N, C-alpha and C. Protein backbone atom coordinates (compact mmCIF):
# COMPACT_ATOMS: atom_id res chain seq x y z
N UNK A 1 104.02 185.96 58.70
CA UNK A 1 104.14 184.17 58.70
C UNK A 1 105.43 184.14 59.60
N UNK A 2 106.22 184.59 58.75
CA UNK A 2 107.73 184.35 59.74
C UNK A 2 107.99 185.00 61.25
N UNK A 3 107.17 186.03 61.22
CA UNK A 3 106.99 186.45 63.12
C UNK A 3 106.10 185.36 63.78
N UNK A 4 104.97 184.86 63.14
CA UNK A 4 104.55 183.93 63.90
C UNK A 4 105.59 182.67 64.31
N UNK A 5 106.08 182.12 63.35
CA UNK A 5 107.32 181.28 63.46
C UNK A 5 108.13 181.26 64.78
N UNK A 6 108.54 182.64 64.30
CA UNK A 6 109.74 183.07 65.76
C UNK A 6 108.88 182.70 67.06
N UNK A 7 108.20 183.67 67.22
CA UNK A 7 107.05 183.58 68.20
C UNK A 7 106.96 181.89 68.91
N UNK A 8 106.61 181.18 67.83
CA UNK A 8 106.46 179.54 68.39
C UNK A 8 107.33 179.12 68.89
N UNK A 9 108.45 179.26 68.26
CA UNK A 9 110.22 178.39 68.73
C UNK A 9 110.35 179.23 70.20
N UNK A 10 109.94 180.79 70.28
CA UNK A 10 110.17 181.49 71.38
C UNK A 10 109.57 180.75 72.31
N UNK A 11 108.26 180.31 72.11
CA UNK A 11 107.24 180.08 73.28
C UNK A 11 107.62 178.35 73.57
N UNK A 12 108.17 177.77 72.52
CA UNK A 12 107.95 175.92 72.79
C UNK A 12 108.51 175.82 74.20
N UNK A 13 109.72 176.28 74.58
CA UNK A 13 110.27 175.58 75.74
C UNK A 13 109.21 175.89 76.88
N UNK A 14 108.29 177.06 77.08
CA UNK A 14 107.98 177.26 78.21
C UNK A 14 106.65 176.41 77.71
N UNK A 15 105.83 175.58 76.85
CA UNK A 15 105.17 174.88 76.45
C UNK A 15 105.49 173.57 77.09
N UNK A 16 106.31 173.50 76.79
CA UNK A 16 107.26 172.23 77.30
C UNK A 16 106.96 172.41 78.93
N UNK A 17 107.50 173.24 79.27
CA UNK A 17 107.30 173.40 81.07
C UNK A 17 105.97 173.15 81.26
N UNK A 18 104.87 173.58 80.70
CA UNK A 18 103.98 173.66 81.23
C UNK A 18 103.46 172.28 81.51
N UNK A 19 103.78 171.04 80.37
CA UNK A 19 103.19 170.11 80.59
C UNK A 19 103.84 169.27 80.92
N UNK A 20 105.16 169.53 81.41
CA UNK A 20 106.15 168.71 82.05
C UNK A 20 105.47 168.16 83.63
N UNK A 21 105.41 166.69 83.71
CA UNK A 21 104.65 166.22 84.96
C UNK A 21 105.80 166.98 86.16
N UNK A 22 105.05 167.04 87.24
CA UNK A 22 105.91 167.58 88.25
C UNK A 22 105.75 166.64 89.51
N UNK A 23 106.51 166.51 90.04
CA UNK A 23 106.99 165.56 91.43
C UNK A 23 106.70 166.24 92.87
N UNK A 24 105.95 165.90 93.26
CA UNK A 24 105.49 166.53 94.53
C UNK A 24 106.17 166.38 95.60
N UNK A 25 107.00 165.34 95.35
CA UNK A 25 107.48 164.32 96.88
C UNK A 25 108.33 165.73 97.42
N UNK A 26 109.27 166.60 96.96
CA UNK A 26 110.30 167.31 97.76
C UNK A 26 108.98 167.53 98.63
N UNK A 27 108.07 168.11 98.38
CA UNK A 27 107.24 169.26 98.96
C UNK A 27 106.98 168.63 100.03
N UNK A 28 106.23 167.34 100.06
CA UNK A 28 105.48 166.25 100.92
C UNK A 28 106.55 166.25 102.53
N UNK A 29 105.98 166.31 103.48
CA UNK A 29 106.59 166.41 104.95
C UNK A 29 106.12 167.37 105.71
N UNK A 30 106.72 166.89 106.37
CA UNK A 30 106.89 168.13 107.83
C UNK A 30 107.47 169.34 107.60
N UNK A 31 107.51 170.51 107.54
CA UNK A 31 108.34 171.55 107.81
C UNK A 31 108.24 172.75 108.85
N UNK A 32 109.11 172.38 109.51
CA UNK A 32 109.26 173.99 110.73
C UNK A 32 110.04 174.90 110.39
N UNK A 33 109.65 176.07 110.92
CA UNK A 33 110.44 177.55 110.71
C UNK A 33 109.34 178.58 111.21
N UNK A 34 110.30 180.13 110.92
CA UNK A 34 109.55 181.05 111.35
C UNK A 34 108.60 181.84 110.25
N UNK A 35 107.90 182.50 110.58
CA UNK A 35 106.85 183.38 109.92
C UNK A 35 106.77 184.55 110.31
N UNK A 36 107.62 185.61 109.46
CA UNK A 36 107.47 187.40 110.09
C UNK A 36 106.50 188.10 109.36
N UNK A 37 105.88 189.17 110.16
CA UNK A 37 105.49 189.98 109.66
C UNK A 37 106.27 191.14 109.05
N UNK A 38 105.25 191.80 108.18
CA UNK A 38 106.27 192.83 107.28
C UNK A 38 105.79 193.83 107.35
N UNK A 39 104.38 194.23 108.06
CA UNK A 39 103.72 195.32 108.01
C UNK A 39 103.83 195.71 109.55
N UNK A 40 104.24 196.64 110.08
CA UNK A 40 104.39 196.69 111.76
C UNK A 40 103.21 197.35 111.98
N UNK A 41 102.31 198.21 111.64
CA UNK A 41 101.06 198.16 112.35
C UNK A 41 100.25 197.45 112.05
N UNK A 42 100.34 195.97 111.51
CA UNK A 42 99.57 195.52 111.30
C UNK A 42 98.91 194.73 112.60
N UNK A 43 97.59 193.69 112.73
CA UNK A 43 97.38 192.87 113.76
C UNK A 43 98.05 191.82 113.67
N UNK A 44 99.12 191.50 112.63
CA UNK A 44 100.05 190.61 112.42
C UNK A 44 101.30 190.06 113.59
N UNK A 45 101.51 189.23 113.98
CA UNK A 45 102.45 188.97 114.74
C UNK A 45 103.12 187.68 114.30
N UNK A 46 104.89 187.82 114.55
CA UNK A 46 105.69 187.04 114.23
C UNK A 46 105.24 185.48 115.11
N UNK A 47 105.78 184.31 114.00
CA UNK A 47 104.73 183.30 114.68
C UNK A 47 106.01 182.32 114.24
N UNK A 48 106.58 181.28 114.88
CA UNK A 48 107.19 179.98 115.01
C UNK A 48 105.94 178.96 114.37
N UNK A 49 106.38 178.27 113.37
CA UNK A 49 105.18 177.57 112.40
C UNK A 49 105.73 176.03 112.56
N UNK A 50 104.67 175.14 111.59
CA UNK A 50 104.69 174.41 111.66
C UNK A 50 103.81 173.60 110.57
N UNK A 51 104.27 173.23 109.15
CA UNK A 51 103.45 172.95 108.13
C UNK A 51 103.26 171.47 108.20
N UNK A 52 102.24 170.75 107.82
CA UNK A 52 102.09 169.43 107.44
C UNK A 52 101.73 169.61 106.15
N UNK A 53 102.37 168.52 104.81
CA UNK A 53 102.19 168.96 103.52
C UNK A 53 102.30 167.39 103.10
N UNK A 54 100.92 167.53 102.08
CA UNK A 54 100.96 166.01 101.94
C UNK A 54 100.31 166.16 100.55
N UNK A 55 100.34 165.20 99.76
CA UNK A 55 100.07 165.07 98.31
C UNK A 55 98.53 165.09 97.98
N UNK A 56 98.16 165.59 97.13
CA UNK A 56 96.49 165.76 97.30
C UNK A 56 96.05 164.33 95.97
N UNK A 57 95.15 163.83 96.62
CA UNK A 57 94.64 162.32 96.05
C UNK A 57 93.88 163.09 94.76
N UNK A 58 93.67 164.00 94.17
CA UNK A 58 92.49 164.59 93.42
C UNK A 58 93.76 164.96 91.85
N UNK A 59 94.61 165.46 92.27
CA UNK A 59 95.52 165.76 91.12
C UNK A 59 96.92 165.30 91.59
N UNK A 60 97.85 164.83 90.67
CA UNK A 60 99.18 164.68 90.77
C UNK A 60 100.36 165.55 90.93
N UNK A 61 99.73 167.13 90.81
CA UNK A 61 100.45 168.09 90.73
C UNK A 61 100.04 169.19 92.07
N UNK A 62 99.04 168.79 93.01
CA UNK A 62 98.64 169.54 94.03
C UNK A 62 98.87 168.75 95.23
N UNK A 63 99.35 170.06 96.18
CA UNK A 63 99.85 169.20 97.81
C UNK A 63 98.56 169.59 98.46
N UNK A 64 98.42 169.57 99.61
CA UNK A 64 97.24 170.40 100.72
C UNK A 64 98.49 170.74 101.80
N UNK A 65 98.23 171.85 102.23
CA UNK A 65 99.27 172.15 103.42
C UNK A 65 98.17 172.40 104.86
N UNK A 66 98.51 171.85 105.84
CA UNK A 66 97.93 172.34 107.15
C UNK A 66 98.67 172.97 107.87
N UNK A 67 98.29 173.89 108.41
CA UNK A 67 99.48 175.14 109.18
C UNK A 67 99.33 175.27 110.68
N UNK A 68 99.93 175.43 110.88
CA UNK A 68 99.90 175.31 112.57
C UNK A 68 101.32 176.44 113.14
N UNK A 69 100.33 177.20 114.22
CA UNK A 69 101.38 178.09 114.77
C UNK A 69 101.73 177.23 116.03
N UNK A 70 102.83 177.40 116.89
CA UNK A 70 103.39 176.85 117.77
C UNK A 70 103.26 177.87 119.25
N UNK A 71 102.58 177.54 120.20
CA UNK A 71 102.14 178.11 121.40
C UNK A 71 102.83 177.66 122.73
N UNK A 72 103.50 178.18 123.58
CA UNK A 72 103.90 177.41 124.42
C UNK A 72 104.25 175.58 124.08
N UNK A 73 104.95 175.29 123.04
CA UNK A 73 105.22 174.23 122.86
C UNK A 73 104.02 172.96 122.12
N UNK A 74 103.12 173.94 121.70
CA UNK A 74 102.10 172.91 121.35
C UNK A 74 101.47 173.50 119.85
N UNK A 75 101.13 172.65 119.13
CA UNK A 75 100.48 173.29 117.66
C UNK A 75 99.29 173.37 117.97
N UNK A 76 98.93 174.85 117.10
CA UNK A 76 97.51 175.50 117.72
C UNK A 76 97.36 175.48 115.78
N UNK A 77 96.34 174.69 115.17
CA UNK A 77 95.74 174.76 113.41
C UNK A 77 95.60 175.85 113.58
N UNK A 78 96.17 176.68 112.43
CA UNK A 78 95.71 178.05 111.91
C UNK A 78 94.98 178.12 110.75
N UNK A 79 94.64 176.98 109.68
CA UNK A 79 94.46 176.87 108.53
C UNK A 79 95.13 175.78 107.50
N UNK A 80 94.00 175.46 106.42
CA UNK A 80 94.30 174.62 105.46
C UNK A 80 94.59 175.43 103.86
N UNK A 81 95.71 175.32 103.01
CA UNK A 81 96.33 175.72 101.54
C UNK A 81 96.00 174.64 100.70
N UNK A 82 95.59 174.88 100.05
CA UNK A 82 95.31 174.24 98.38
C UNK A 82 96.57 174.39 97.76
N UNK A 83 97.58 173.68 97.16
CA UNK A 83 98.65 174.32 96.24
C UNK A 83 99.15 173.52 95.56
N UNK A 84 99.56 174.25 94.30
CA UNK A 84 99.34 173.78 92.84
C UNK A 84 101.08 173.67 93.23
N UNK A 85 101.88 172.34 92.45
CA UNK A 85 103.10 172.45 92.74
C UNK A 85 103.71 172.63 90.95
N UNK A 86 104.57 173.75 91.19
CA UNK A 86 105.13 173.55 89.55
C UNK A 86 106.09 173.69 89.27
N UNK A 87 107.01 172.95 87.93
CA UNK A 87 108.31 173.13 87.83
C UNK A 87 109.35 173.97 88.56
N UNK A 88 110.13 173.08 89.39
CA UNK A 88 111.30 174.50 89.97
C UNK A 88 111.00 174.42 91.31
N UNK A 89 109.89 173.34 91.68
CA UNK A 89 109.48 173.23 93.33
C UNK A 89 108.95 174.45 93.64
N UNK A 90 107.89 174.56 92.88
CA UNK A 90 107.27 176.59 93.29
C UNK A 90 105.93 175.90 94.13
N UNK A 91 105.49 176.57 95.06
CA UNK A 91 103.57 176.19 95.59
C UNK A 91 103.36 177.32 95.38
N UNK A 92 102.17 177.45 94.64
CA UNK A 92 101.13 178.50 94.56
C UNK A 92 99.68 178.15 95.73
N UNK A 93 99.31 179.04 96.66
CA UNK A 93 98.84 178.23 96.92
C UNK A 93 97.57 179.39 97.76
N UNK A 94 96.46 178.70 97.77
CA UNK A 94 95.17 179.75 98.02
C UNK A 94 94.57 179.12 99.34
N UNK A 95 94.29 180.23 100.46
CA UNK A 95 93.46 180.18 101.46
C UNK A 95 92.04 179.41 101.53
N UNK A 96 91.40 178.47 102.38
CA UNK A 96 90.08 178.12 101.89
C UNK A 96 89.50 179.72 102.51
N UNK A 97 89.81 180.55 103.60
CA UNK A 97 89.15 181.66 103.83
C UNK A 97 89.26 182.70 103.04
N UNK A 98 90.40 182.95 102.66
CA UNK A 98 90.48 184.47 101.24
C UNK A 98 90.72 183.98 99.99
N UNK A 99 90.26 184.17 99.19
CA UNK A 99 90.88 184.09 97.73
C UNK A 99 91.30 184.99 97.45
N UNK A 100 91.19 186.52 98.08
CA UNK A 100 92.65 187.13 97.64
C UNK A 100 93.69 187.37 98.39
N UNK A 101 94.03 186.27 99.05
CA UNK A 101 95.35 186.06 100.03
C UNK A 101 96.45 184.75 98.48
N UNK A 102 97.03 185.39 98.34
CA UNK A 102 98.11 184.36 97.88
C UNK A 102 99.49 183.81 98.51
N UNK A 103 99.72 182.83 98.84
CA UNK A 103 100.68 182.31 98.89
C UNK A 103 101.59 181.53 98.51
N UNK A 104 102.77 181.82 98.26
CA UNK A 104 104.15 181.27 97.41
C UNK A 104 105.00 180.60 97.82
N UNK A 105 105.74 179.23 97.97
CA UNK A 105 106.69 178.69 98.36
C UNK A 105 107.61 178.29 97.19
N UNK A 106 108.88 178.29 98.05
CA UNK A 106 109.96 177.83 97.02
C UNK A 106 110.67 176.53 97.31
N UNK A 107 110.40 175.53 97.32
CA UNK A 107 111.39 174.24 97.83
C UNK A 107 112.62 174.09 97.19
N UNK A 108 113.39 174.18 98.18
CA UNK A 108 115.00 174.14 97.79
C UNK A 108 116.04 172.91 98.50
N UNK A 109 115.82 171.47 98.05
CA UNK A 109 116.05 170.18 99.19
C UNK A 109 115.50 170.42 100.40
N UNK A 110 115.80 170.77 101.76
CA UNK A 110 115.59 170.68 102.69
C UNK A 110 115.01 172.06 103.47
N UNK A 111 114.92 173.28 102.41
CA UNK A 111 114.90 174.61 102.70
C UNK A 111 113.27 174.54 102.07
N UNK A 112 112.38 175.57 102.95
CA UNK A 112 111.06 176.02 101.93
C UNK A 112 111.58 177.94 102.16
N UNK A 113 111.27 178.25 101.37
CA UNK A 113 111.12 179.95 101.53
C UNK A 113 109.89 180.23 101.59
N UNK A 114 109.00 181.21 101.72
CA UNK A 114 107.69 181.83 100.84
C UNK A 114 107.33 183.08 101.42
N UNK A 115 106.33 183.43 100.79
CA UNK A 115 105.76 184.85 101.50
C UNK A 115 103.95 184.77 101.44
N UNK A 116 103.63 185.38 102.03
CA UNK A 116 102.01 185.80 101.94
C UNK A 116 101.76 186.99 101.29
N UNK A 117 100.65 187.62 100.46
CA UNK A 117 100.76 188.97 99.91
C UNK A 117 99.28 188.71 99.86
N UNK A 118 98.50 189.68 100.35
CA UNK A 118 97.17 190.09 100.82
C UNK A 118 96.59 190.81 99.83
N UNK A 119 94.91 190.87 100.00
CA UNK A 119 94.40 191.86 99.25
C UNK A 119 94.43 192.40 97.61
N UNK A 120 93.41 193.20 97.48
CA UNK A 120 93.78 193.93 95.66
C UNK A 120 95.06 194.45 95.82
N UNK A 121 95.08 195.23 96.82
CA UNK A 121 96.53 195.99 97.04
C UNK A 121 97.84 195.19 96.33
N UNK A 122 97.69 193.82 97.00
CA UNK A 122 98.94 193.15 96.42
C UNK A 122 99.70 193.20 97.67
N UNK A 123 99.61 193.53 98.91
CA UNK A 123 100.75 193.95 99.72
C UNK A 123 101.09 192.33 100.46
N UNK A 124 102.50 192.29 100.25
CA UNK A 124 103.35 191.74 100.97
C UNK A 124 103.05 191.47 102.27
N UNK A 125 102.30 190.48 103.09
CA UNK A 125 102.33 190.48 104.62
C UNK A 125 103.00 189.70 105.53
N UNK A 126 103.50 188.68 105.00
CA UNK A 126 104.49 187.60 105.73
C UNK A 126 105.91 187.22 104.96
N UNK A 127 106.64 187.22 105.22
CA UNK A 127 108.04 185.91 104.74
C UNK A 127 108.01 184.62 105.65
N UNK A 128 108.36 183.62 105.32
CA UNK A 128 108.55 182.33 105.68
C UNK A 128 109.76 181.98 105.16
N UNK A 129 110.48 181.48 106.30
CA UNK A 129 111.78 180.37 106.27
C UNK A 129 111.19 179.46 106.79
N UNK A 130 111.62 178.12 106.35
CA UNK A 130 111.23 176.85 106.97
C UNK A 130 112.45 175.73 106.55
N UNK A 131 112.47 174.69 107.69
CA UNK A 131 112.99 173.56 107.04
C UNK A 131 112.58 172.10 107.50
N UNK A 132 112.70 171.30 106.28
CA UNK A 132 112.13 170.14 106.36
C UNK A 132 112.70 169.33 107.45
N UNK A 133 111.75 168.67 108.61
CA UNK A 133 112.08 167.82 109.49
C UNK A 133 111.96 166.24 109.16
């Protein structure tokens, strides 16, 4: 019984974080920066990107990310990600195209850093560095 009490006390702060409301406002807006490939032999190309992030109307802890690559000064749509925002301004996102690809972003003031991990092997495919416009 004593061990269960110790475990419950240790997990209590985590349960508070899990139920704490998340403010998605810092993530909402237009972000611009670089998306760099991590696997030289892949078909991936380094890109200048623009992400438009909006609050999801269906859930207070979710945002929708519309991604664009910039080619010759024009934005070309690359896809939409559905993201859940967690405490600490961490976004966990999934693509409509592949449920095996996972995007993760960390928002710190006017900067956002992220990564794309793909496939069952969980291979790091991209690293991203963006600034809020």
